[in-house]
Amino acid sequence: MTNPHAHELEARKVRVRCTECRTTFHERLNRIMHGDRVRCPTCHNEMRFHNIGHIHEHESVEAFIHHVEQRTAHPHFTVAHIDDD
């Protein structure tokens, strides 16, 4: 079943905080939701966010974005560092 708000998420960006340098930057919500690699523009640390949740668990797109930004602001709970080994 496709969520009726899915089309609204494609162009949205959320705030993300780097685990290394603690810089806050913006990244596309789709990349965060799908666990794609995200690179900090300041220190170039690569991260992948896991267990963000699903939009259908929230009342609106704004509520989901708020939830995602809370999770990405505290990366020690939801981020896996990517090693280039």
PDB file of N, CA and C in Angstrom:
ATOM      1  N   MET A   1       0.836  -1.178   0.000  1.00  0.00           N
ATOM      2  CA  MET A   1       0.000   0.000   0.000  1.00  0.00           C
ATOM      3  C   MET A   1       0.884   1.246   0.000  1.00  0.00           C
ATOM      4  N   THR A   2       0.659   2.130  -0.910  1.00  0.00           N
ATOM      5  CA  THR A   2       1.444   3.350  -1.031  1.00  0.00           C
ATOM      6  C   THR A   2       0.856   4.431  -0.124  1.00  0.00           C
ATOM      7  N   ASN A   3       1.724   5.113   0.580  1.00  0.00           N
ATOM      8  CA  ASN A   3       1.277   6.182   1.448  1.00  0.00           C
ATOM      9  C   ASN A   3       0.884   7.389   0.603  1.00  0.00           C
ATOM     10  N   PRO A   4      -0.257   8.016   0.879  1.00  0.00           N
ATOM     11  CA  PRO A   4      -0.682   9.174   0.079  1.00  0.00           C
ATOM     12  C   PRO A   4       0.252  10.377   0.205  1.00  0.00           C
ATOM     13  N   HIS A   5       1.087  10.415   1.239  1.00  0.00           N
ATOM     14  CA  HIS A   5       2.009  11.527   1.430  1.00  0.00           C
ATOM     15  C   HIS A   5       3.388  11.268   0.823  1.00  0.00           C
ATOM     16  N   ALA A   6       3.587  10.100   0.232  1.00  0.00           N
ATOM     17  CA  ALA A   6       4.911   9.732  -0.285  1.00  0.00           C
ATOM     18  C   ALA A   6       5.437  10.736  -1.296  1.00  0.00           C
ATOM     19  N   HIS A   7       4.585  11.264  -2.160  1.00  0.00           N
ATOM     20  CA  HIS A   7       5.029  12.227  -3.168  1.00  0.00           C
ATOM     21  C   HIS A   7       5.504  13.524  -2.531  1.00  0.00           C
ATOM     22  N   GLU A   8       5.003  13.850  -1.338  1.00  0.00           N
ATOM     23  CA  GLU A   8       5.403  15.076  -0.652  1.00  0.00           C
ATOM     24  C   GLU A   8       6.813  14.976  -0.061  1.00  0.00           C
ATOM     25  N   LEU A   9       7.313  13.779   0.099  1.00  0.00           N
ATOM     26  CA  LEU A   9       8.613  13.587   0.735  1.00  0.00           C
ATOM     27  C   LEU A   9       9.789  13.697  -0.220  1.00  0.00           C
ATOM     28  N   GLU A  10       9.552  13.547  -1.507  1.00  0.00           N
ATOM     29  CA  GLU A  10      10.636  13.465  -2.481  1.00  0.00           C
ATOM     30  C   GLU A  10      11.556  14.670  -2.470  1.00  0.00           C
ATOM     31  N   ALA A  11      11.025  15.863  -2.386  1.00  0.00           N
ATOM     32  CA  ALA A  11      11.852  17.069  -2.471  1.00  0.00           C
ATOM     33  C   ALA A  11      12.169  17.674  -1.102  1.00  0.00           C
ATOM     34  N   ARG A  12      11.668  17.096  -0.022  1.00  0.00           N
ATOM     35  CA  ARG A  12      11.860  17.676   1.310  1.00  0.00           C
ATOM     36  C   ARG A  12      13.264  17.400   1.824  1.00  0.00           C
ATOM     37  N   LYS A  13      13.782  18.350   2.580  1.00  0.00           N
ATOM     38  CA  LYS A  13      15.086  18.191   3.211  1.00  0.00           C
ATOM     39  C   LYS A  13      14.923  18.290   4.718  1.00  0.00           C
ATOM     40  N   VAL A  14      15.807  17.615   5.443  1.00  0.00           N
ATOM     41  CA  VAL A  14      15.784  17.636   6.903  1.00  0.00           C
ATOM     42  C   VAL A  14      17.164  18.015   7.423  1.00  0.00           C
ATOM     43  N   ARG A  15      17.202  18.491   8.666  1.00  0.00           N
ATOM     44  CA  ARG A  15      18.470  18.817   9.308  1.00  0.00           C
ATOM     45  C   ARG A  15      19.116  17.538   9.825  1.00  0.00           C
ATOM     46  N   VAL A  16      20.418  17.431   9.608  1.00  0.00           N
ATOM     47  CA  VAL A  16      21.208  16.280  10.043  1.00  0.00           C
ATOM     48  C   VAL A  16      22.416  16.810  10.798  1.00  0.00           C
ATOM     49  N   ARG A  17      22.813  16.134  11.850  1.00  0.00           N
ATOM     50  CA  ARG A  17      24.007  16.534  12.593  1.00  0.00           C
ATOM     51  C   ARG A  17      25.084  15.470  12.412  1.00  0.00           C
ATOM     52  N   CYS A  18      26.275  15.913  12.048  1.00  0.00           N
ATOM     53  CA  CYS A  18      27.413  15.015  11.851  1.00  0.00           C
ATOM     54  C   CYS A  18      27.867  14.435  13.187  1.00  0.00           C
ATOM     55  N   THR A  19      28.191  13.152  13.180  1.00  0.00           N
ATOM     56  CA  THR A  19      28.653  12.489  14.399  1.00  0.00           C
ATOM     57  C   THR A  19      30.059  12.895  14.787  1.00  0.00           C
ATOM     58  N   GLU A  20      30.859  13.313  13.831  1.00  0.00           N
ATOM     59  CA  GLU A  20      32.258  13.666  14.100  1.00  0.00           C
ATOM     60  C   GLU A  20      32.426  15.129  14.508  1.00  0.00           C
ATOM     61  N   CYS A  21      32.048  16.035  13.626  1.00  0.00           N
ATOM     62  CA  CYS A  21      32.308  17.459  13.869  1.00  0.00           C
ATOM     63  C   CYS A  21      31.097  18.203  14.427  1.00  0.00           C
ATOM     64  N   ARG A  22      29.962  17.523  14.516  1.00  0.00           N
ATOM     65  CA  ARG A  22      28.722  18.077  15.070  1.00  0.00           C
ATOM     66  C   ARG A  22      28.137  19.227  14.235  1.00  0.00           C
ATOM     67  N   THR A  23      28.554  19.345  12.982  1.00  0.00           N
ATOM     68  CA  THR A  23      27.994  20.335  12.073  1.00  0.00           C
ATOM     69  C   THR A  23      26.575  19.921  11.702  1.00  0.00           C
ATOM     70  N   THR A  24      25.682  20.879  11.632  1.00  0.00           N
ATOM     71  CA  THR A  24      24.319  20.613  11.190  1.00  0.00           C
ATOM     72  C   THR A  24      24.208  21.032   9.730  1.00  0.00           C
ATOM     73  N   PHE A  25      23.656  20.145   8.904  1.00  0.00           N
ATOM     74  CA  PHE A  25      23.485  20.430   7.483  1.00  0.00           C
ATOM     75  C   PHE A  25      22.161  19.828   7.027  1.00  0.00           C
ATOM     76  N   HIS A  26      21.759  20.120   5.803  1.00  0.00           N
ATOM     77  CA  HIS A  26      20.489  19.626   5.264  1.00  0.00           C
ATOM     78  C   HIS A  26      20.743  18.506   4.265  1.00  0.00           C
ATOM     79  N   GLU A  27      19.872  17.505   4.302  1.00  0.00           N
ATOM     80  CA  GLU A  27      19.962  16.376   3.372  1.00  0.00           C
ATOM     81  C   GLU A  27      18.545  15.984   2.968  1.00  0.00           C
ATOM     82  N   ARG A  28      18.403  15.391   1.797  1.00  0.00           N
ATOM     83  CA  ARG A  28      17.084  14.960   1.322  1.00  0.00           C
ATOM     84  C   ARG A  28      16.519  13.870   2.218  1.00  0.00           C
ATOM     85  N   LEU A  29      15.266  14.002   2.545  1.00  0.00           N
ATOM     86  CA  LEU A  29      14.589  13.060   3.430  1.00  0.00           C
ATOM     87  C   LEU A  29      14.604  11.648   2.854  1.00  0.00           C
ATOM     88  N   ASN A  30      14.429  11.507   1.539  1.00  0.00           N
ATOM     89  CA  ASN A  30      14.440  10.175   0.928  1.00  0.00           C
ATOM     90  C   ASN A  30      15.754   9.449   1.177  1.00  0.00           C
ATOM     91  N   ARG A  31      16.867  10.161   1.130  1.00  0.00           N
ATOM     92  CA  ARG A  31      18.171   9.526   1.369  1.00  0.00           C
ATOM     93  C   ARG A  31      18.281   9.033   2.804  1.00  0.00           C
ATOM     94  N   ILE A  32      17.767   9.807   3.742  1.00  0.00           N
ATOM     95  CA  ILE A  32      17.793   9.416   5.148  1.00  0.00           C
ATOM     96  C   ILE A  32      16.902   8.201   5.371  1.00  0.00           C
ATOM     97  N   MET A  33      15.687   8.244   4.828  1.00  0.00           N
ATOM     98  CA  MET A  33      14.725   7.157   5.018  1.00  0.00           C
ATOM     99  C   MET A  33      15.212   5.838   4.447  1.00  0.00           C
ATOM    100  N   HIS A  34      15.897   5.878   3.314  1.00  0.00           N
ATOM    101  CA  HIS A  34      16.341   4.654   2.658  1.00  0.00           C
ATOM    102  C   HIS A  34      17.702   4.162   3.144  1.00  0.00           C
ATOM    103  N   GLY A  35      18.311   4.880   4.076  1.00  0.00           N
ATOM    104  CA  GLY A  35      19.598   4.442   4.610  1.00  0.00           C
ATOM    105  C   GLY A  35      20.758   4.652   3.655  1.00  0.00           C
ATOM    106  N   ASP A  36      20.622   5.600   2.726  1.00  0.00           N
ATOM    107  CA  ASP A  36      21.714   5.904   1.797  1.00  0.00           C
ATOM    108  C   ASP A  36      22.864   6.569   2.548  1.00  0.00           C
ATOM    109  N   ARG A  37      24.038   6.519   1.957  1.00  0.00           N
ATOM    110  CA  ARG A  37      25.197   7.193   2.554  1.00  0.00           C
ATOM    111  C   ARG A  37      25.005   8.697   2.496  1.00  0.00           C
ATOM    112  N   VAL A  38      25.302   9.340   3.592  1.00  0.00           N
ATOM    113  CA  VAL A  38      25.208  10.796   3.708  1.00  0.00           C
ATOM    114  C   VAL A  38      26.590  11.288   4.118  1.00  0.00           C
ATOM    115  N   ARG A  39      27.102  12.286   3.418  1.00  0.00           N
ATOM    116  CA  ARG A  39      28.445  12.802   3.692  1.00  0.00           C
ATOM    117  C   ARG A  39      28.356  14.210   4.259  1.00  0.00           C
ATOM    118  N   CYS A  40      29.045  14.435   5.376  1.00  0.00           N
ATOM    119  CA  CYS A  40      29.099  15.761   5.980  1.00  0.00           C
ATOM    120  C   CYS A  40      29.870  16.705   5.055  1.00  0.00           C
ATOM    121  N   PRO A  41      29.327  17.876   4.763  1.00  0.00           N
ATOM    122  CA  PRO A  41      30.026  18.807   3.875  1.00  0.00           C
ATOM    123  C   PRO A  41      31.265  19.449   4.515  1.00  0.00           C
ATOM    124  N   THR A  42      31.383  19.376   5.831  1.00  0.00           N
ATOM    125  CA  THR A  42      32.508  20.001   6.524  1.00  0.00           C
ATOM    126  C   THR A  42      33.683  19.048   6.680  1.00  0.00           C
ATOM    127  N   CYS A  43      33.455  17.892   7.309  1.00  0.00           N
ATOM    128  CA  CYS A  43      34.561  16.962   7.592  1.00  0.00           C
ATOM    129  C   CYS A  43      34.550  15.739   6.681  1.00  0.00           C
ATOM    130  N   HIS A  44      33.544  15.591   5.837  1.00  0.00           N
ATOM    131  CA  HIS A  44      33.399  14.503   4.868  1.00  0.00           C
ATOM    132  C   HIS A  44      33.196  13.131   5.502  1.00  0.00           C
ATOM    133  N   ASN A  45      32.771  13.112   6.752  1.00  0.00           N
ATOM    134  CA  ASN A  45      32.425  11.865   7.417  1.00  0.00           C
ATOM    135  C   ASN A  45      31.196  11.273   6.727  1.00  0.00           C
ATOM    136  N   GLU A  46      31.234   9.970   6.426  1.00  0.00           N
ATOM    137  CA  GLU A  46      30.094   9.307   5.813  1.00  0.00           C
ATOM    138  C   GLU A  46      29.294   8.581   6.884  1.00  0.00           C
ATOM    139  N   MET A  47      27.967   8.747   6.814  1.00  0.00           N
ATOM    140  CA  MET A  47      27.071   8.136   7.793  1.00  0.00           C
ATOM    141  C   MET A  47      25.928   7.460   7.062  1.00  0.00           C
ATOM    142  N   ARG A  48      25.290   6.547   7.759  1.00  0.00           N
ATOM    143  CA  ARG A  48      24.059   5.912   7.301  1.00  0.00           C
ATOM    144  C   ARG A  48      23.106   5.866   8.479  1.00  0.00           C
ATOM    145  N   PHE A  49      21.905   6.351   8.298  1.00  0.00           N
ATOM    146  CA  PHE A  49      20.931   6.385   9.379  1.00  0.00           C
ATOM    147  C   PHE A  49      20.018   5.174   9.283  1.00  0.00           C
ATOM    148  N   HIS A  50      19.777   4.539  10.429  1.00  0.00           N
ATOM    149  CA  HIS A  50      18.946   3.343  10.496  1.00  0.00           C
ATOM    150  C   HIS A  50      17.833   3.546  11.522  1.00  0.00           C
ATOM    151  N   ASN A  51      16.756   2.795  11.375  1.00  0.00           N
ATOM    152  CA  ASN A  51      15.632   2.806  12.322  1.00  0.00           C
ATOM    153  C   ASN A  51      14.994   4.189  12.473  1.00  0.00           C
ATOM    154  N   ILE A  52      14.850   4.895  11.363  1.00  0.00           N
ATOM    155  CA  ILE A  52      14.236   6.224  11.383  1.00  0.00           C
ATOM    156  C   ILE A  52      12.735   6.121  11.599  1.00  0.00           C
ATOM    157  N   GLY A  53      12.112   5.099  11.080  1.00  0.00           N
ATOM    158  CA  GLY A  53      10.665   4.952  11.186  1.00  0.00           C
ATOM    159  C   GLY A  53       9.999   5.142   9.839  1.00  0.00           C
ATOM    160  N   HIS A  54       8.676   5.110   9.839  1.00  0.00           N
ATOM    161  CA  HIS A  54       7.904   5.216   8.606  1.00  0.00           C
ATOM    162  C   HIS A  54       6.873   6.329   8.735  1.00  0.00           C
ATOM    163  N   ILE A  55       6.567   6.932   7.617  1.00  0.00           N
ATOM    164  CA  ILE A  55       5.629   8.056   7.634  1.00  0.00           C
ATOM    165  C   ILE A  55       4.242   7.639   8.101  1.00  0.00           C
ATOM    166  N   HIS A  56       3.827   6.415   7.821  1.00  0.00           N
ATOM    167  CA  HIS A  56       2.475   6.009   8.203  1.00  0.00           C
ATOM    168  C   HIS A  56       2.295   5.919   9.722  1.00  0.00           C
ATOM    169  N   GLU A  57       3.398   6.016  10.474  1.00  0.00           N
ATOM    170  CA  GLU A  57       3.331   6.006  11.939  1.00  0.00           C
ATOM    171  C   GLU A  57       3.035   7.401  12.504  1.00  0.00           C
ATOM    172  N   HIS A  58       2.933   8.410  11.630  1.00  0.00           N
ATOM    173  CA  HIS A  58       2.766   9.800  12.061  1.00  0.00           C
ATOM    174  C   HIS A  58       1.524  10.407  11.428  1.00  0.00           C
ATOM    175  N   GLU A  59       0.998  11.436  12.076  1.00  0.00           N
ATOM    176  CA  GLU A  59      -0.244  12.062  11.628  1.00  0.00           C
ATOM    177  C   GLU A  59      -0.093  12.892  10.360  1.00  0.00           C
ATOM    178  N   SER A  60       1.100  13.469  10.147  1.00  0.00           N
ATOM    179  CA  SER A  60       1.295  14.333   8.986  1.00  0.00           C
ATOM    180  C   SER A  60       2.748  14.267   8.536  1.00  0.00           C
ATOM    181  N   VAL A  61       3.009  14.862   7.381  1.00  0.00           N
ATOM    182  CA  VAL A  61       4.379  14.943   6.863  1.00  0.00           C
ATOM    183  C   VAL A  61       5.234  15.763   7.819  1.00  0.00           C
ATOM    184  N   GLU A  62       4.697  16.849   8.332  1.00  0.00           N
ATOM    185  CA  GLU A  62       5.453  17.708   9.247  1.00  0.00           C
ATOM    186  C   GLU A  62       5.821  16.962  10.528  1.00  0.00           C
ATOM    187  N   ALA A  63       4.911  16.146  11.042  1.00  0.00           N
ATOM    188  CA  ALA A  63       5.190  15.360  12.244  1.00  0.00           C
ATOM    189  C   ALA A  63       6.296  14.344  11.970  1.00  0.00           C
ATOM    190  N   PHE A  64       6.281  13.743  10.783  1.00  0.00           N
ATOM    191  CA  PHE A  64       7.321  12.780  10.421  1.00  0.00           C
ATOM    192  C   PHE A  64       8.670  13.476  10.282  1.00  0.00           C
ATOM    193  N   ILE A  65       8.693  14.636   9.630  1.00  0.00           N
ATOM    194  CA  ILE A  65       9.941  15.380   9.472  1.00  0.00           C
ATOM    195  C   ILE A  65      10.493  15.777  10.838  1.00  0.00           C
ATOM    196  N   HIS A  66       9.638  16.213  11.738  1.00  0.00           N
ATOM    197  CA  HIS A  66      10.074  16.553  13.096  1.00  0.00           C
ATOM    198  C   HIS A  66      10.696  15.328  13.781  1.00  0.00           C
ATOM    199  N   HIS A  67      10.068  14.174  13.635  1.00  0.00           N
ATOM    200  CA  HIS A  67      10.581  12.923  14.208  1.00  0.00           C
ATOM    201  C   HIS A  67      11.965  12.593  13.640  1.00  0.00           C
ATOM    202  N   VAL A  68      12.110  12.685  12.317  1.00  0.00           N
ATOM    203  CA  VAL A  68      13.393  12.372  11.665  1.00  0.00           C
ATOM    204  C   VAL A  68      14.476  13.336  12.137  1.00  0.00           C
ATOM    205  N   GLU A  69      14.160  14.622  12.227  1.00  0.00           N
ATOM    206  CA  GLU A  69      15.158  15.601  12.665  1.00  0.00           C
ATOM    207  C   GLU A  69      15.575  15.370  14.112  1.00  0.00           C
ATOM    208  N   GLN A  70      14.668  14.907  14.948  1.00  0.00           N
ATOM    209  CA  GLN A  70      15.043  14.568  16.319  1.00  0.00           C
ATOM    210  C   GLN A  70      16.014  13.402  16.330  1.00  0.00           C
ATOM    211  N   ARG A  71      15.760  12.399  15.499  1.00  0.00           N
ATOM    212  CA  ARG A  71      16.635  11.218  15.441  1.00  0.00           C
ATOM    213  C   ARG A  71      18.009  11.556  14.876  1.00  0.00           C
ATOM    214  N   THR A  72      18.059  12.392  13.838  1.00  0.00           N
ATOM    215  CA  THR A  72      19.349  12.718  13.226  1.00  0.00           C
ATOM    216  C   THR A  72      20.122  13.748  14.032  1.00  0.00           C
ATOM    217  N   ALA A  73      19.473  14.428  14.963  1.00  0.00           N
ATOM    218  CA  ALA A  73      20.178  15.376  15.833  1.00  0.00           C
ATOM    219  C   ALA A  73      20.914  14.645  16.958  1.00  0.00           C
ATOM    220  N   HIS A  74      20.554  13.407  17.215  1.00  0.00           N
ATOM    221  CA  HIS A  74      21.195  12.589  18.236  1.00  0.00           C
ATOM    222  C   HIS A  74      21.747  11.333  17.578  1.00  0.00           C
ATOM    223  N   PRO A  75      22.767  11.487  16.728  1.00  0.00           N
ATOM    224  CA  PRO A  75      23.232  10.386  15.888  1.00  0.00           C
ATOM    225  C   PRO A  75      23.813   9.199  16.641  1.00  0.00           C
ATOM    226  N   HIS A  76      24.190   9.360  17.915  1.00  0.00           N
ATOM    227  CA  HIS A  76      24.750   8.210  18.626  1.00  0.00           C
ATOM    228  C   HIS A  76      23.690   7.134  18.845  1.00  0.00           C
ATOM    229  N   PHE A  77      22.422   7.442  18.613  1.00  0.00           N
ATOM    230  CA  PHE A  77      21.369   6.456  18.734  1.00  0.00           C
ATOM    231  C   PHE A  77      21.089   5.744  17.402  1.00  0.00           C
ATOM    232  N   THR A  78      21.313   6.413  16.285  1.00  0.00           N
ATOM    233  CA  THR A  78      20.807   5.857  15.025  1.00  0.00           C
ATOM    234  C   THR A  78      21.801   5.841  13.866  1.00  0.00           C
ATOM    235  N   VAL A  79      23.044   6.126  14.085  1.00  0.00           N
ATOM    236  CA  VAL A  79      23.975   6.220  12.967  1.00  0.00           C
ATOM    237  C   VAL A  79      25.012   5.118  13.031  1.00  0.00           C
ATOM    238  N   ALA A  80      25.296   4.571  11.872  1.00  0.00           N
ATOM    239  CA  ALA A  80      26.396   3.632  11.746  1.00  0.00           C
ATOM    240  C   ALA A  80      27.474   4.310  10.902  1.00  0.00           C
ATOM    241  N   HIS A  81      28.693   4.342  11.395  1.00  0.00           N
ATOM    242  CA  HIS A  81      29.799   4.914  10.632  1.00  0.00           C
ATOM    243  C   HIS A  81      30.162   3.947   9.525  1.00  0.00           C
ATOM    244  N   ILE A  82      30.580   4.486   8.395  1.00  0.00           N
ATOM    245  CA  ILE A  82      30.962   3.675   7.264  1.00  0.00           C
ATOM    246  C   ILE A  82      32.468   3.661   7.161  1.00  0.00           C
ATOM    247  N   ASP A  83      33.043   2.489   7.239  1.00  0.00           N
ATOM    248  CA  ASP A  83      34.492   2.353   7.096  1.00  0.00           C
ATOM    249  C   ASP A  83      34.814   2.088   5.633  1.00  0.00           C
ATOM    250  N   ASP A  84      35.881   2.701   5.159  1.00  0.00           N
ATOM    251  CA  ASP A  84      36.295   2.535   3.771  1.00  0.00           C
ATOM    252  C   ASP A  84      37.316   1.425   3.600  1.00  0.00           C
ATOM    253  N   ASP A  85      37.352   0.485   4.542  1.00  0.00           N
ATOM    254  CA  ASP A  85      38.327  -0.615   4.488  1.00  0.00           C
ATOM    255  C   ASP A  85      38.062  -1.540   3.333  1.00  0.00           C
TER     256      ASP A  85
END
